[in-house]
Amino acid sequence: MTPLIAPSILSADFCHLAQELETVQTADWLHVDVMDGQFVPNLTVGVPVVQSLRKTTAMPLDVHLMIEKPLRYVETFAQAGADYLTFHLEADHPSGIRAAVDLAGRLGVKKGVALRPITKAEAILPYLPDLNMVLVMTVEPGFGGQAFLADQLSTIQAVRALIDKYNPACRLEVDGGIDPSTIGAAFAAGADTFVAGSAVFGQGDRAAAIADLRGGCHG
């Protein structure tokens, strides 16, 4: 698949968010990290920000729910304008994750599951035939600006093998420490969709930063 770049608004300037979005129009998606202060220790944005983003941009909104029992909020985020909703396998009992995936599908939202570094690739198997995306975290979720965990490359490889076997149309996203020096290894391991926060919004020339990330997939 063609590599996709998804800048994370977690690293953007929220006082000037509309202007910030204008600087990343050469990217493919916008990544929105929703944290509830329970599943992860940090607390970030919620439904009103997704609603505002939907009014401001036509870019696909890739909403990553780092929240406990995400089924409670699937419909609300779908109505707010999310294009993708990703649920952490560790955030609920498997029956709750299954219900969240199924509801997202009925609401016309593309659906994904996410794995923390402690979670094995095989955990995606019960859901994989129904997924549009699997997200492998290459940092421990909860905070931006962390260093890429190279030992997660083996998880990316394992997830890629499962996707190729059971659902080749499913995208494989990575999130955490992605920059021009790490994206190549993640791409070689099988990832095709890349979340980048400070590697984009921390740079003066965001278009050049996005181009550097794209180049890193082939360099």
N, C-alpha and C. Protein backbone atom coordinates (compact mmCIF):
# COMPACT_ATOMS: atom_id res chain seq x y z
N MET A 1 0.83 -1.20 0.00
CA MET A 1 0.00 0.00 0.00
C MET A 1 0.87 1.26 0.00
N THR A 2 0.33 2.32 -0.56
CA THR A 2 1.01 3.60 -0.54
C THR A 2 1.11 4.10 0.91
N PRO A 3 2.29 4.50 1.36
CA PRO A 3 2.41 4.99 2.73
C PRO A 3 1.58 6.26 2.95
N LEU A 4 0.94 6.33 4.10
CA LEU A 4 0.16 7.50 4.48
C LEU A 4 0.79 8.15 5.70
N ILE A 5 0.74 9.49 5.73
CA ILE A 5 1.27 10.26 6.85
C ILE A 5 0.11 10.93 7.56
N ALA A 6 0.05 10.75 8.89
CA ALA A 6 -1.05 11.28 9.70
C ALA A 6 -0.49 12.13 10.84
N PRO A 7 -0.32 13.44 10.64
CA PRO A 7 0.17 14.28 11.74
C PRO A 7 -0.78 14.25 12.94
N SER A 8 -0.20 14.16 14.13
CA SER A 8 -0.98 14.11 15.36
C SER A 8 -1.18 15.52 15.90
N ILE A 9 -2.44 15.92 16.05
CA ILE A 9 -2.70 17.27 16.53
C ILE A 9 -2.31 17.43 18.00
N LEU A 10 -1.96 16.34 18.67
CA LEU A 10 -1.50 16.45 20.05
C LEU A 10 -0.30 17.39 20.15
N SER A 11 0.48 17.48 19.06
CA SER A 11 1.67 18.33 19.06
C SER A 11 1.43 19.69 18.43
N ALA A 12 0.20 19.98 18.04
CA ALA A 12 -0.12 21.26 17.42
C ALA A 12 -0.37 22.34 18.47
N ASP A 13 -0.42 23.58 18.02
CA ASP A 13 -0.74 24.72 18.89
C ASP A 13 -2.26 24.88 18.89
N PHE A 14 -2.89 24.52 20.00
CA PHE A 14 -4.35 24.54 20.06
C PHE A 14 -4.93 25.95 20.08
N CYS A 15 -4.10 26.94 20.35
CA CYS A 15 -4.60 28.31 20.27
C CYS A 15 -4.78 28.77 18.83
N HIS A 16 -4.13 28.07 17.91
CA HIS A 16 -4.20 28.44 16.49
C HIS A 16 -4.41 27.19 15.64
N LEU A 17 -5.38 26.37 16.05
CA LEU A 17 -5.49 25.05 15.43
C LEU A 17 -5.88 25.14 13.96
N ALA A 18 -6.77 26.04 13.60
CA ALA A 18 -7.15 26.15 12.18
C ALA A 18 -5.95 26.50 11.32
N GLN A 19 -5.13 27.43 11.81
CA GLN A 19 -3.92 27.79 11.04
C GLN A 19 -2.93 26.63 10.99
N GLU A 20 -2.84 25.88 12.09
CA GLU A 20 -1.96 24.72 12.11
C GLU A 20 -2.38 23.69 11.06
N LEU A 21 -3.67 23.48 10.91
CA LEU A 21 -4.14 22.51 9.92
C LEU A 21 -3.76 22.94 8.51
N GLU A 22 -3.75 24.22 8.25
CA GLU A 22 -3.37 24.72 6.93
C GLU A 22 -1.94 24.35 6.56
N THR A 23 -1.10 24.15 7.57
CA THR A 23 0.31 23.87 7.30
C THR A 23 0.59 22.40 7.03
N VAL A 24 -0.42 21.53 7.19
CA VAL A 24 -0.20 20.08 7.01
C VAL A 24 -1.09 19.50 5.92
N GLN A 25 -1.51 20.34 4.99
CA GLN A 25 -2.42 19.88 3.95
C GLN A 25 -1.78 18.87 3.00
N THR A 26 -0.47 18.77 2.98
CA THR A 26 0.18 17.77 2.12
C THR A 26 0.21 16.39 2.77
N ALA A 27 -0.23 16.29 4.02
CA ALA A 27 -0.36 14.99 4.67
C ALA A 27 -1.63 14.30 4.17
N ASP A 28 -1.86 13.08 4.66
CA ASP A 28 -2.99 12.29 4.19
C ASP A 28 -4.17 12.30 5.15
N TRP A 29 -3.89 12.15 6.43
CA TRP A 29 -4.92 12.12 7.47
C TRP A 29 -4.52 13.08 8.58
N LEU A 30 -5.45 13.34 9.49
CA LEU A 30 -5.15 13.96 10.78
C LEU A 30 -5.41 12.94 11.87
N HIS A 31 -4.46 12.81 12.79
CA HIS A 31 -4.58 11.86 13.88
C HIS A 31 -4.98 12.62 15.14
N VAL A 32 -6.01 12.12 15.81
CA VAL A 32 -6.55 12.77 17.00
C VAL A 32 -6.45 11.80 18.17
N ASP A 33 -5.62 12.14 19.14
CA ASP A 33 -5.41 11.30 20.32
C ASP A 33 -6.39 11.70 21.42
N VAL A 34 -7.30 10.80 21.75
CA VAL A 34 -8.28 11.04 22.80
C VAL A 34 -7.87 10.23 24.03
N MET A 35 -7.54 10.91 25.11
CA MET A 35 -7.08 10.26 26.34
C MET A 35 -8.00 10.67 27.50
N ASP A 36 -8.33 9.68 28.35
CA ASP A 36 -9.35 9.92 29.37
C ASP A 36 -8.81 10.07 30.79
N GLY A 37 -7.49 10.01 30.97
CA GLY A 37 -6.94 10.10 32.32
C GLY A 37 -7.12 8.84 33.14
N GLN A 38 -7.67 7.78 32.53
CA GLN A 38 -7.87 6.52 33.23
C GLN A 38 -7.13 5.38 32.52
N PHE A 39 -7.45 5.16 31.24
CA PHE A 39 -6.71 4.15 30.49
C PHE A 39 -5.24 4.55 30.37
N VAL A 40 -5.01 5.84 30.20
CA VAL A 40 -3.66 6.42 30.24
C VAL A 40 -3.70 7.57 31.23
N PRO A 41 -2.55 7.98 31.78
CA PRO A 41 -2.59 9.00 32.83
C PRO A 41 -2.90 10.41 32.33
N ASN A 42 -2.71 10.65 31.05
CA ASN A 42 -2.91 12.00 30.54
C ASN A 42 -4.38 12.21 30.16
N LEU A 43 -4.76 13.47 30.02
CA LEU A 43 -6.11 13.87 29.64
C LEU A 43 -5.99 14.84 28.48
N THR A 44 -6.67 14.53 27.36
CA THR A 44 -6.52 15.41 26.19
C THR A 44 -7.89 15.83 25.68
N VAL A 45 -8.08 15.74 24.37
CA VAL A 45 -9.26 16.31 23.73
C VAL A 45 -10.41 15.30 23.71
N GLY A 46 -11.60 15.82 23.36
CA GLY A 46 -12.76 14.97 23.26
C GLY A 46 -13.62 15.31 22.07
N VAL A 47 -14.90 15.04 22.18
CA VAL A 47 -15.84 15.18 21.08
C VAL A 47 -15.90 16.60 20.51
N PRO A 48 -15.92 17.68 21.32
CA PRO A 48 -16.01 19.02 20.73
C PRO A 48 -14.86 19.35 19.78
N VAL A 49 -13.66 18.86 20.08
CA VAL A 49 -12.53 19.13 19.19
C VAL A 49 -12.70 18.39 17.87
N VAL A 50 -13.17 17.15 17.92
CA VAL A 50 -13.43 16.42 16.67
C VAL A 50 -14.50 17.13 15.86
N GLN A 51 -15.54 17.61 16.50
CA GLN A 51 -16.58 18.36 15.80
C GLN A 51 -16.00 19.61 15.12
N SER A 52 -15.14 20.32 15.82
CA SER A 52 -14.53 21.52 15.26
C SER A 52 -13.61 21.18 14.09
N LEU A 53 -12.83 20.11 14.25
CA LEU A 53 -11.97 19.69 13.15
C LEU A 53 -12.78 19.34 11.92
N ARG A 54 -13.90 18.64 12.13
CA ARG A 54 -14.73 18.22 11.00
C ARG A 54 -15.28 19.42 10.24
N LYS A 55 -15.57 20.49 10.95
CA LYS A 55 -16.07 21.71 10.30
C LYS A 55 -14.97 22.45 9.56
N THR A 56 -13.73 22.21 9.97
CA THR A 56 -12.60 23.00 9.48
C THR A 56 -11.85 22.35 8.33
N THR A 57 -11.86 21.02 8.26
CA THR A 57 -11.03 20.33 7.28
C THR A 57 -11.79 19.16 6.64
N ALA A 58 -11.40 18.87 5.41
CA ALA A 58 -11.94 17.70 4.71
C ALA A 58 -11.00 16.50 4.85
N MET A 59 -9.86 16.68 5.53
CA MET A 59 -8.93 15.57 5.70
C MET A 59 -9.58 14.47 6.54
N PRO A 60 -9.30 13.19 6.25
CA PRO A 60 -9.82 12.12 7.09
C PRO A 60 -9.35 12.28 8.53
N LEU A 61 -10.27 12.08 9.47
CA LEU A 61 -9.96 12.20 10.89
C LEU A 61 -9.79 10.80 11.47
N ASP A 62 -8.57 10.52 11.90
CA ASP A 62 -8.15 9.23 12.44
C ASP A 62 -8.15 9.37 13.96
N VAL A 63 -9.22 8.91 14.59
CA VAL A 63 -9.44 9.16 16.02
C VAL A 63 -9.03 7.93 16.82
N HIS A 64 -8.03 8.11 17.66
CA HIS A 64 -7.40 7.04 18.45
C HIS A 64 -7.92 7.17 19.88
N LEU A 65 -8.80 6.25 20.27
CA LEU A 65 -9.44 6.32 21.58
C LEU A 65 -8.61 5.58 22.62
N MET A 66 -7.86 6.32 23.39
CA MET A 66 -7.12 5.77 24.53
C MET A 66 -7.97 5.98 25.78
N ILE A 67 -9.11 5.27 25.79
CA ILE A 67 -10.09 5.45 26.85
C ILE A 67 -10.62 4.09 27.29
N GLU A 68 -11.05 4.03 28.55
CA GLU A 68 -11.66 2.82 29.08
C GLU A 68 -13.05 2.61 28.47
N LYS A 69 -13.37 1.35 28.18
CA LYS A 69 -14.69 0.97 27.68
C LYS A 69 -15.14 1.89 26.54
N PRO A 70 -14.43 1.84 25.42
CA PRO A 70 -14.70 2.79 24.33
C PRO A 70 -16.08 2.65 23.69
N LEU A 71 -16.75 1.52 23.88
CA LEU A 71 -18.08 1.35 23.30
C LEU A 71 -19.00 2.51 23.68
N ARG A 72 -18.82 3.06 24.88
CA ARG A 72 -19.69 4.14 25.36
C ARG A 72 -19.69 5.37 24.46
N TYR A 73 -18.60 5.55 23.69
CA TYR A 73 -18.42 6.79 22.95
C TYR A 73 -18.37 6.61 21.44
N VAL A 74 -18.58 5.40 20.96
CA VAL A 74 -18.49 5.15 19.52
C VAL A 74 -19.49 6.03 18.76
N GLU A 75 -20.73 6.00 19.17
CA GLU A 75 -21.75 6.75 18.43
C GLU A 75 -21.49 8.24 18.47
N THR A 76 -21.07 8.75 19.63
CA THR A 76 -20.82 10.19 19.78
C THR A 76 -19.70 10.65 18.87
N PHE A 77 -18.60 9.88 18.83
CA PHE A 77 -17.48 10.28 17.96
C PHE A 77 -17.82 10.08 16.49
N ALA A 78 -18.63 9.08 16.19
CA ALA A 78 -19.07 8.90 14.80
C ALA A 78 -19.90 10.10 14.36
N GLN A 79 -20.80 10.54 15.19
CA GLN A 79 -21.63 11.69 14.87
C GLN A 79 -20.81 12.97 14.78
N ALA A 80 -19.72 13.03 15.55
CA ALA A 80 -18.85 14.21 15.53
C ALA A 80 -18.06 14.33 14.24
N GLY A 81 -17.92 13.22 13.49
CA GLY A 81 -17.25 13.29 12.21
C GLY A 81 -16.00 12.47 12.06
N ALA A 82 -15.75 11.55 12.99
CA ALA A 82 -14.58 10.68 12.85
C ALA A 82 -14.73 9.80 11.62
N ASP A 83 -13.64 9.64 10.88
CA ASP A 83 -13.62 8.71 9.75
C ASP A 83 -13.11 7.34 10.17
N TYR A 84 -12.12 7.33 11.07
CA TYR A 84 -11.58 6.10 11.65
C TYR A 84 -11.72 6.19 13.16
N LEU A 85 -12.11 5.09 13.78
CA LEU A 85 -12.09 4.97 15.24
C LEU A 85 -11.28 3.74 15.60
N THR A 86 -10.29 3.94 16.47
CA THR A 86 -9.41 2.85 16.88
C THR A 86 -9.55 2.63 18.38
N PHE A 87 -9.76 1.36 18.76
CA PHE A 87 -10.01 0.98 20.14
C PHE A 87 -8.86 0.13 20.66
N HIS A 88 -8.41 0.42 21.87
CA HIS A 88 -7.34 -0.37 22.47
C HIS A 88 -7.87 -1.71 22.97
N LEU A 89 -7.21 -2.78 22.57
CA LEU A 89 -7.63 -4.11 23.01
C LEU A 89 -7.58 -4.25 24.52
N GLU A 90 -6.73 -3.48 25.17
CA GLU A 90 -6.55 -3.57 26.62
C GLU A 90 -7.60 -2.77 27.40
N ALA A 91 -8.47 -2.03 26.69
CA ALA A 91 -9.36 -1.07 27.34
C ALA A 91 -10.69 -1.65 27.77
N ASP A 92 -10.95 -2.91 27.44
CA ASP A 92 -12.22 -3.51 27.82
C ASP A 92 -12.11 -5.03 27.66
N HIS A 93 -13.10 -5.72 28.18
CA HIS A 93 -13.23 -7.16 27.93
C HIS A 93 -13.41 -7.39 26.43
N PRO A 94 -12.95 -8.51 25.90
CA PRO A 94 -13.10 -8.75 24.45
C PRO A 94 -14.51 -8.56 23.93
N SER A 95 -15.52 -8.87 24.73
CA SER A 95 -16.89 -8.67 24.26
C SER A 95 -17.20 -7.19 24.05
N GLY A 96 -16.61 -6.33 24.88
CA GLY A 96 -16.80 -4.89 24.72
C GLY A 96 -16.10 -4.36 23.49
N ILE A 97 -14.91 -4.86 23.22
CA ILE A 97 -14.18 -4.45 22.01
C ILE A 97 -14.94 -4.92 20.78
N ARG A 98 -15.42 -6.15 20.81
CA ARG A 98 -16.20 -6.67 19.68
C ARG A 98 -17.42 -5.79 19.43
N ALA A 99 -18.12 -5.41 20.50
CA ALA A 99 -19.31 -4.57 20.35
C ALA A 99 -18.94 -3.20 19.78
N ALA A 100 -17.79 -2.64 20.18
CA ALA A 100 -17.36 -1.34 19.66
C ALA A 100 -17.04 -1.43 18.17
N VAL A 101 -16.34 -2.48 17.78
CA VAL A 101 -16.00 -2.68 16.37
C VAL A 101 -17.28 -2.83 15.54
N ASP A 102 -18.20 -3.63 16.03
CA ASP A 102 -19.43 -3.87 15.29
C ASP A 102 -20.27 -2.59 15.16
N LEU A 103 -20.36 -1.82 16.25
CA LEU A 103 -21.15 -0.60 16.21
C LEU A 103 -20.53 0.41 15.25
N ALA A 104 -19.21 0.56 15.29
CA ALA A 104 -18.55 1.49 14.36
C ALA A 104 -18.87 1.10 12.92
N GLY A 105 -18.84 -0.19 12.63
CA GLY A 105 -19.16 -0.64 11.29
C GLY A 105 -20.58 -0.30 10.89
N ARG A 106 -21.53 -0.50 11.79
CA ARG A 106 -22.93 -0.18 11.48
C ARG A 106 -23.13 1.31 11.26
N LEU A 107 -22.31 2.13 11.91
CA LEU A 107 -22.43 3.58 11.78
C LEU A 107 -21.66 4.13 10.58
N GLY A 108 -21.00 3.24 9.84
CA GLY A 108 -20.28 3.66 8.65
C GLY A 108 -18.91 4.24 8.90
N VAL A 109 -18.36 4.00 10.09
CA VAL A 109 -17.02 4.47 10.44
C VAL A 109 -16.03 3.34 10.22
N LYS A 110 -14.86 3.66 9.66
CA LYS A 110 -13.82 2.66 9.53
C LYS A 110 -13.28 2.34 10.93
N LYS A 111 -12.97 1.07 11.14
CA LYS A 111 -12.69 0.63 12.51
C LYS A 111 -11.32 -0.02 12.62
N GLY A 112 -10.70 0.24 13.78
CA GLY A 112 -9.38 -0.32 14.03
C GLY A 112 -9.23 -0.75 15.47
N VAL A 113 -8.23 -1.58 15.72
CA VAL A 113 -7.84 -1.90 17.08
C VAL A 113 -6.38 -1.53 17.26
N ALA A 114 -6.03 -1.19 18.49
CA ALA A 114 -4.68 -0.75 18.83
C ALA A 114 -4.07 -1.67 19.88
N LEU A 115 -2.75 -1.84 19.79
CA LEU A 115 -2.01 -2.69 20.72
C LEU A 115 -0.96 -1.87 21.45
N ARG A 116 -0.98 -1.92 22.78
CA ARG A 116 0.13 -1.39 23.57
C ARG A 116 1.35 -2.29 23.39
N PRO A 117 2.53 -1.81 23.75
CA PRO A 117 3.73 -2.65 23.58
C PRO A 117 3.68 -3.98 24.33
N ILE A 118 2.86 -4.09 25.38
CA ILE A 118 2.78 -5.33 26.14
C ILE A 118 1.91 -6.39 25.47
N THR A 119 1.19 -6.02 24.42
CA THR A 119 0.19 -6.90 23.82
C THR A 119 0.75 -7.61 22.59
N LYS A 120 0.51 -8.90 22.50
CA LYS A 120 1.01 -9.71 21.39
C LYS A 120 0.17 -9.51 20.14
N ALA A 121 0.80 -9.70 19.01
CA ALA A 121 0.12 -9.52 17.72
C ALA A 121 -1.11 -10.40 17.60
N GLU A 122 -1.04 -11.60 18.13
CA GLU A 122 -2.14 -12.56 17.97
C GLU A 122 -3.45 -12.09 18.59
N ALA A 123 -3.39 -11.08 19.46
CA ALA A 123 -4.60 -10.57 20.09
C ALA A 123 -5.57 -9.95 19.09
N ILE A 124 -5.08 -9.59 17.91
CA ILE A 124 -5.97 -8.97 16.91
C ILE A 124 -6.82 -10.00 16.17
N LEU A 125 -6.48 -11.28 16.28
CA LEU A 125 -7.10 -12.29 15.42
C LEU A 125 -8.62 -12.35 15.52
N PRO A 126 -9.24 -12.25 16.70
CA PRO A 126 -10.70 -12.35 16.73
C PRO A 126 -11.42 -11.25 15.95
N TYR A 127 -10.74 -10.13 15.73
CA TYR A 127 -11.36 -8.97 15.10
C TYR A 127 -10.88 -8.74 13.68
N LEU A 128 -9.75 -9.28 13.33
CA LEU A 128 -9.03 -8.89 12.12
C LEU A 128 -9.86 -8.96 10.84
N PRO A 129 -10.68 -9.97 10.61
CA PRO A 129 -11.44 -9.99 9.35
C PRO A 129 -12.36 -8.79 9.16
N ASP A 130 -12.73 -8.12 10.26
CA ASP A 130 -13.69 -7.01 10.20
C ASP A 130 -13.03 -5.64 10.27
N LEU A 131 -11.71 -5.60 10.35
CA LEU A 131 -11.02 -4.33 10.60
C LEU A 131 -10.59 -3.63 9.32
N ASN A 132 -10.52 -2.29 9.43
CA ASN A 132 -9.91 -1.48 8.38
C ASN A 132 -8.47 -1.09 8.72
N MET A 133 -8.12 -1.23 10.02
CA MET A 133 -6.77 -0.83 10.43
C MET A 133 -6.39 -1.50 11.74
N VAL A 134 -5.10 -1.80 11.87
CA VAL A 134 -4.50 -2.19 13.15
C VAL A 134 -3.42 -1.16 13.47
N LEU A 135 -3.42 -0.69 14.70
CA LEU A 135 -2.44 0.29 15.17
C LEU A 135 -1.50 -0.37 16.17
N VAL A 136 -0.22 -0.38 15.84
CA VAL A 136 0.81 -0.87 16.76
C VAL A 136 1.48 0.34 17.41
N MET A 137 1.39 0.43 18.72
CA MET A 137 2.04 1.52 19.44
C MET A 137 3.53 1.24 19.55
N THR A 138 4.33 2.21 19.15
CA THR A 138 5.78 2.08 19.25
C THR A 138 6.34 2.95 20.39
N VAL A 139 5.43 3.35 21.27
CA VAL A 139 5.75 3.90 22.59
C VAL A 139 4.64 3.42 23.52
N GLU A 140 4.83 3.61 24.81
CA GLU A 140 3.74 3.35 25.75
C GLU A 140 2.75 4.50 25.62
N PRO A 141 1.47 4.23 25.34
CA PRO A 141 0.53 5.32 25.09
C PRO A 141 0.33 6.22 26.29
N GLY A 142 0.07 7.49 25.98
CA GLY A 142 -0.27 8.43 27.04
C GLY A 142 0.39 9.79 26.93
N PHE A 143 1.54 9.87 26.28
CA PHE A 143 2.26 11.14 26.19
C PHE A 143 2.96 11.24 24.84
N GLY A 144 3.01 12.45 24.29
CA GLY A 144 3.76 12.70 23.07
C GLY A 144 5.23 12.86 23.35
N GLY A 145 6.03 12.80 22.28
CA GLY A 145 7.45 13.10 22.39
C GLY A 145 8.32 11.98 22.90
N GLN A 146 7.80 10.75 22.99
CA GLN A 146 8.61 9.63 23.49
C GLN A 146 9.47 9.04 22.38
N ALA A 147 10.51 8.32 22.78
CA ALA A 147 11.42 7.69 21.84
C ALA A 147 10.83 6.40 21.30
N PHE A 148 11.07 6.15 20.03
CA PHE A 148 10.61 4.94 19.33
C PHE A 148 11.18 3.69 19.99
N LEU A 149 10.30 2.71 20.25
CA LEU A 149 10.72 1.44 20.84
C LEU A 149 11.05 0.46 19.72
N ALA A 150 12.33 0.26 19.47
CA ALA A 150 12.74 -0.59 18.35
C ALA A 150 12.30 -2.03 18.51
N ASP A 151 12.11 -2.48 19.75
CA ASP A 151 11.68 -3.87 19.93
C ASP A 151 10.25 -4.11 19.44
N GLN A 152 9.54 -3.05 19.12
CA GLN A 152 8.21 -3.20 18.56
C GLN A 152 8.23 -3.54 17.07
N LEU A 153 9.40 -3.48 16.45
CA LEU A 153 9.49 -3.86 15.04
C LEU A 153 9.06 -5.31 14.83
N SER A 154 9.36 -6.17 15.79
CA SER A 154 8.95 -7.57 15.65
C SER A 154 7.43 -7.70 15.74
N THR A 155 6.79 -6.85 16.54
CA THR A 155 5.33 -6.86 16.60
C THR A 155 4.74 -6.38 15.29
N ILE A 156 5.32 -5.33 14.72
CA ILE A 156 4.86 -4.85 13.41
C ILE A 156 4.96 -5.97 12.37
N GLN A 157 6.08 -6.66 12.37
CA GLN A 157 6.26 -7.76 11.41
C GLN A 157 5.22 -8.85 11.61
N ALA A 158 4.94 -9.19 12.87
CA ALA A 158 3.96 -10.23 13.16
C ALA A 158 2.55 -9.80 12.76
N VAL A 159 2.21 -8.54 13.02
CA VAL A 159 0.90 -8.05 12.62
C VAL A 159 0.79 -8.02 11.10
N ARG A 160 1.85 -7.62 10.43
CA ARG A 160 1.84 -7.61 8.96
C ARG A 160 1.57 -9.00 8.40
N ALA A 161 2.20 -10.01 8.98
CA ALA A 161 1.99 -11.37 8.50
C ALA A 161 0.53 -11.80 8.68
N LEU A 162 -0.07 -11.42 9.80
CA LEU A 162 -1.47 -11.77 10.05
C LEU A 162 -2.41 -11.02 9.10
N ILE A 163 -2.13 -9.75 8.89
CA ILE A 163 -2.95 -8.97 7.95
C ILE A 163 -2.87 -9.57 6.55
N ASP A 164 -1.66 -9.87 6.10
CA ASP A 164 -1.50 -10.43 4.76
C ASP A 164 -2.25 -11.75 4.60
N LYS A 165 -2.35 -12.50 5.68
CA LYS A 165 -3.00 -13.81 5.62
C LYS A 165 -4.53 -13.69 5.70
N TYR A 166 -5.04 -12.81 6.55
CA TYR A 166 -6.46 -12.82 6.84
C TYR A 166 -7.25 -11.61 6.32
N ASN A 167 -6.58 -10.48 6.06
CA ASN A 167 -7.31 -9.28 5.63
C ASN A 167 -6.34 -8.32 4.95
N PRO A 168 -5.90 -8.62 3.74
CA PRO A 168 -4.87 -7.81 3.08
C PRO A 168 -5.26 -6.35 2.85
N ALA A 169 -6.54 -6.03 2.87
CA ALA A 169 -6.96 -4.65 2.66
C ALA A 169 -6.82 -3.79 3.91
N CYS A 170 -6.53 -4.41 5.04
CA CYS A 170 -6.41 -3.70 6.32
C CYS A 170 -5.10 -2.91 6.36
N ARG A 171 -5.17 -1.68 6.82
CA ARG A 171 -3.96 -0.87 6.97
C ARG A 171 -3.26 -1.20 8.29
N LEU A 172 -1.94 -0.95 8.32
CA LEU A 172 -1.13 -1.18 9.52
C LEU A 172 -0.48 0.14 9.90
N GLU A 173 -0.98 0.72 10.96
CA GLU A 173 -0.52 2.03 11.42
C GLU A 173 0.46 1.87 12.58
N VAL A 174 1.42 2.79 12.68
CA VAL A 174 2.30 2.85 13.83
C VAL A 174 2.26 4.27 14.40
N ASP A 175 2.42 4.35 15.72
CA ASP A 175 2.29 5.62 16.43
C ASP A 175 3.27 5.60 17.59
N GLY A 176 4.19 6.59 17.57
CA GLY A 176 5.12 6.75 18.68
C GLY A 176 6.55 6.86 18.23
N GLY A 177 7.13 8.03 18.37
CA GLY A 177 8.54 8.21 18.04
C GLY A 177 8.84 8.15 16.56
N ILE A 178 7.85 8.37 15.71
CA ILE A 178 8.07 8.31 14.27
C ILE A 178 8.67 9.63 13.78
N ASP A 179 9.82 9.52 13.14
CA ASP A 179 10.49 10.67 12.53
C ASP A 179 11.30 10.14 11.34
N PRO A 180 12.01 10.99 10.61
CA PRO A 180 12.72 10.50 9.43
C PRO A 180 13.76 9.42 9.72
N SER A 181 14.23 9.34 10.97
CA SER A 181 15.24 8.33 11.30
C SER A 181 14.64 6.98 11.69
N THR A 182 13.35 6.95 12.02
CA THR A 182 12.71 5.70 12.45
C THR A 182 11.67 5.17 11.48
N ILE A 183 11.16 6.03 10.61
CA ILE A 183 10.05 5.61 9.76
C ILE A 183 10.47 4.52 8.78
N GLY A 184 11.72 4.55 8.34
CA GLY A 184 12.18 3.55 7.37
C GLY A 184 12.14 2.15 7.94
N ALA A 185 12.56 1.99 9.19
CA ALA A 185 12.54 0.67 9.81
C ALA A 185 11.11 0.18 10.01
N ALA A 186 10.21 1.09 10.40
CA ALA A 186 8.81 0.71 10.57
C ALA A 186 8.18 0.32 9.24
N PHE A 187 8.51 1.05 8.20
CA PHE A 187 8.00 0.73 6.86
C PHE A 187 8.53 -0.63 6.39
N ALA A 188 9.82 -0.86 6.60
CA ALA A 188 10.42 -2.13 6.20
C ALA A 188 9.81 -3.30 6.96
N ALA A 189 9.37 -3.06 8.20
CA ALA A 189 8.76 -4.11 9.00
C ALA A 189 7.33 -4.41 8.58
N GLY A 190 6.74 -3.51 7.78
CA GLY A 190 5.40 -3.78 7.27
C GLY A 190 4.36 -2.72 7.51
N ALA A 191 4.70 -1.65 8.22
CA ALA A 191 3.74 -0.57 8.46
C ALA A 191 3.51 0.23 7.18
N ASP A 192 2.30 0.76 7.04
CA ASP A 192 2.00 1.57 5.85
C ASP A 192 1.34 2.90 6.19
N THR A 193 1.06 3.15 7.47
CA THR A 193 0.41 4.38 7.90
C THR A 193 1.13 4.87 9.14
N PHE A 194 1.52 6.15 9.14
CA PHE A 194 2.48 6.63 10.14
C PHE A 194 1.97 7.89 10.82
N VAL A 195 1.81 7.80 12.15
CA VAL A 195 1.44 8.95 12.97
C VAL A 195 2.72 9.66 13.38
N ALA A 196 2.74 10.97 13.19
CA ALA A 196 3.91 11.76 13.59
C ALA A 196 3.43 13.05 14.23
N GLY A 197 3.91 13.32 15.43
CA GLY A 197 3.53 14.52 16.13
C GLY A 197 4.57 15.61 16.03
N SER A 198 5.57 15.56 16.92
CA SER A 198 6.60 16.59 16.92
C SER A 198 7.45 16.58 15.66
N ALA A 199 7.53 15.43 14.98
CA ALA A 199 8.30 15.36 13.73
C ALA A 199 7.66 16.19 12.63
N VAL A 200 6.39 16.57 12.81
CA VAL A 200 5.71 17.47 11.86
C VAL A 200 5.48 18.82 12.51
N PHE A 201 4.68 18.85 13.58
CA PHE A 201 4.29 20.14 14.17
C PHE A 201 5.43 20.81 14.92
N GLY A 202 6.49 20.06 15.22
CA GLY A 202 7.65 20.65 15.86
C GLY A 202 8.64 21.28 14.89
N GLN A 203 8.31 21.23 13.60
CA GLN A 203 9.20 21.75 12.57
C GLN A 203 8.66 23.06 12.00
N GLY A 204 9.57 23.93 11.58
CA GLY A 204 9.16 25.20 11.01
C GLY A 204 8.46 25.05 9.68
N ASP A 205 8.96 24.16 8.84
CA ASP A 205 8.39 23.91 7.51
C ASP A 205 7.70 22.55 7.54
N ARG A 206 6.39 22.57 7.76
CA ARG A 206 5.66 21.30 7.93
C ARG A 206 5.58 20.51 6.62
N ALA A 207 5.45 21.21 5.48
CA ALA A 207 5.41 20.49 4.20
C ALA A 207 6.72 19.75 3.96
N ALA A 208 7.83 20.40 4.28
CA ALA A 208 9.14 19.74 4.13
C ALA A 208 9.26 18.57 5.10
N ALA A 209 8.74 18.72 6.31
CA ALA A 209 8.80 17.64 7.29
C ALA A 209 8.00 16.43 6.81
N ILE A 210 6.83 16.68 6.24
CA ILE A 210 6.01 15.58 5.71
C ILE A 210 6.73 14.92 4.54
N ALA A 211 7.35 15.72 3.67
CA ALA A 211 8.11 15.16 2.56
C ALA A 211 9.28 14.32 3.05
N ASP A 212 9.93 14.75 4.12
CA ASP A 212 11.04 13.99 4.68
C ASP A 212 10.55 12.64 5.20
N LEU A 213 9.37 12.62 5.82
CA LEU A 213 8.81 11.37 6.30
C LEU A 213 8.51 10.42 5.14
N ARG A 214 7.92 10.96 4.10
CA ARG A 214 7.63 10.14 2.93
C ARG A 214 8.93 9.57 2.35
N GLY A 215 9.94 10.42 2.28
CA GLY A 215 11.22 9.97 1.76
C GLY A 215 11.86 8.88 2.61
N GLY A 216 11.62 8.96 3.93
CA GLY A 216 12.17 7.98 4.83
C GLY A 216 11.63 6.59 4.60
N CYS A 217 10.46 6.49 3.99
CA CYS A 217 9.87 5.17 3.70
C CYS A 217 10.62 4.46 2.58
N HIS A 218 11.38 5.21 1.82
CA HIS A 218 12.04 4.61 0.66
C HIS A 218 13.54 4.80 0.68
N GLY A 219 14.03 5.44 1.75
CA GLY A 219 15.47 5.69 1.81
C GLY A 219 16.20 4.66 2.60
